[in-house]
Amino acid sequence: MFAQRMMWIAWPAFLVAGLLEILVFGLVDPADLHWFGQPLALSRQGVYTLAFFAFWVLTMASSGLTALLSMSSFEVNR
């Protein structure tokens, strides 16, 4: 059951992270990004990769919280 629940969380989060990646970098050029006033020391592909994983982690946290809140008190305390 745990593996199934993890797929309920990870797969939709993966799809949303891909969509966010397309939307964000359709509007923003990674070469124009700055961190504390300094240009990023990463290539465009590096920025794309890190952003995708950041989007994926954030959407997994959101989906995981939703899954946790949908569980009954019996399931949580088991």
Protein backbone atom coordinates (compact mmCIF):
# COMPACT_ATOMS: atom_id res chain seq x y z
CA MET A 1 0.00 0.00 0.00
CA PHE A 2 2.90 2.36 0.76
CA ALA A 3 4.36 2.01 -2.76
CA GLN A 4 0.96 2.69 -4.31
CA ARG A 5 0.46 5.77 -2.15
CA MET A 6 3.94 7.04 -3.06
CA MET A 7 3.08 6.70 -6.76
CA TRP A 8 -0.14 8.63 -6.15
CA ILE A 9 2.11 11.41 -4.84
CA ALA A 10 5.16 11.20 -7.13
CA TRP A 11 3.57 10.73 -10.56
CA PRO A 12 1.18 13.73 -10.55
CA ALA A 13 3.95 15.83 -8.97
CA PHE A 14 6.29 14.81 -11.82
CA LEU A 15 3.73 15.90 -14.41
CA VAL A 16 3.08 19.22 -12.68
CA ALA A 17 6.83 19.86 -12.33
CA GLY A 18 7.23 19.32 -16.07
CA LEU A 19 4.39 21.72 -16.77
CA LEU A 20 5.84 24.34 -14.41
CA GLU A 21 9.21 23.95 -16.10
CA ILE A 22 7.66 24.68 -19.49
CA LEU A 23 5.67 27.65 -18.19
CA VAL A 24 8.47 29.28 -16.20
CA PHE A 25 11.24 28.86 -18.74
CA GLY A 26 8.96 29.79 -21.59
CA LEU A 27 8.97 33.26 -20.02
CA VAL A 28 12.37 33.41 -18.26
CA ASP A 29 15.82 32.93 -19.79
CA PRO A 30 18.10 31.11 -17.30
CA ALA A 31 21.05 33.19 -18.49
CA ASP A 32 19.29 36.32 -17.14
CA LEU A 33 18.90 34.95 -13.60
CA HIS A 34 20.94 36.40 -10.74
CA TRP A 35 21.51 35.21 -7.17
CA PHE A 36 22.24 37.97 -4.63
CA GLY A 37 23.17 40.31 -7.46
CA GLN A 38 25.61 37.89 -9.09
CA PRO A 39 24.95 35.89 -12.27
CA LEU A 40 24.42 32.18 -11.70
CA ALA A 41 27.51 30.03 -12.21
CA LEU A 42 25.40 27.28 -13.81
CA SER A 43 24.74 26.49 -17.43
CA ARG A 44 21.22 26.79 -18.80
CA GLN A 45 20.84 23.02 -18.61
CA GLY A 46 21.97 23.09 -14.97
CA VAL A 47 19.35 25.72 -14.14
CA TYR A 48 16.68 23.70 -15.95
CA THR A 49 17.65 20.57 -14.04
CA LEU A 50 17.78 22.19 -10.60
CA ALA A 51 14.51 24.03 -11.21
CA PHE A 52 12.77 20.84 -12.32
CA PHE A 53 13.84 18.97 -9.18
CA ALA A 54 12.86 21.94 -6.99
CA PHE A 55 9.42 22.05 -8.64
CA TRP A 56 9.12 18.28 -8.24
CA VAL A 57 10.02 18.34 -4.53
CA LEU A 58 7.59 21.20 -3.84
CA THR A 59 4.72 19.56 -5.68
CA MET A 60 5.48 16.20 -4.00
CA ALA A 61 5.29 17.94 -0.61
CA SER A 62 1.95 19.44 -1.58
CA SER A 63 0.59 16.11 -2.83
CA GLY A 64 1.98 14.30 0.22
CA LEU A 65 0.26 16.72 2.57
CA THR A 66 -2.99 16.23 0.68
CA ALA A 67 -2.61 12.44 0.95
CA LEU A 68 -1.86 12.71 4.68
CA LEU A 69 -4.87 14.94 5.31
CA SER A 70 -7.14 12.56 3.40
CA MET A 71 -6.23 9.62 5.66
CA SER A 72 -8.47 8.63 8.55
CA SER A 73 -7.16 8.88 12.10
CA PHE A 74 -7.01 5.06 12.23
CA GLU A 75 -4.70 4.96 9.19
CA VAL A 76 -2.45 7.72 10.56
CA ASN A 77 -2.09 6.07 14.00
CA ARG A 78 -1.51 2.58 12.62
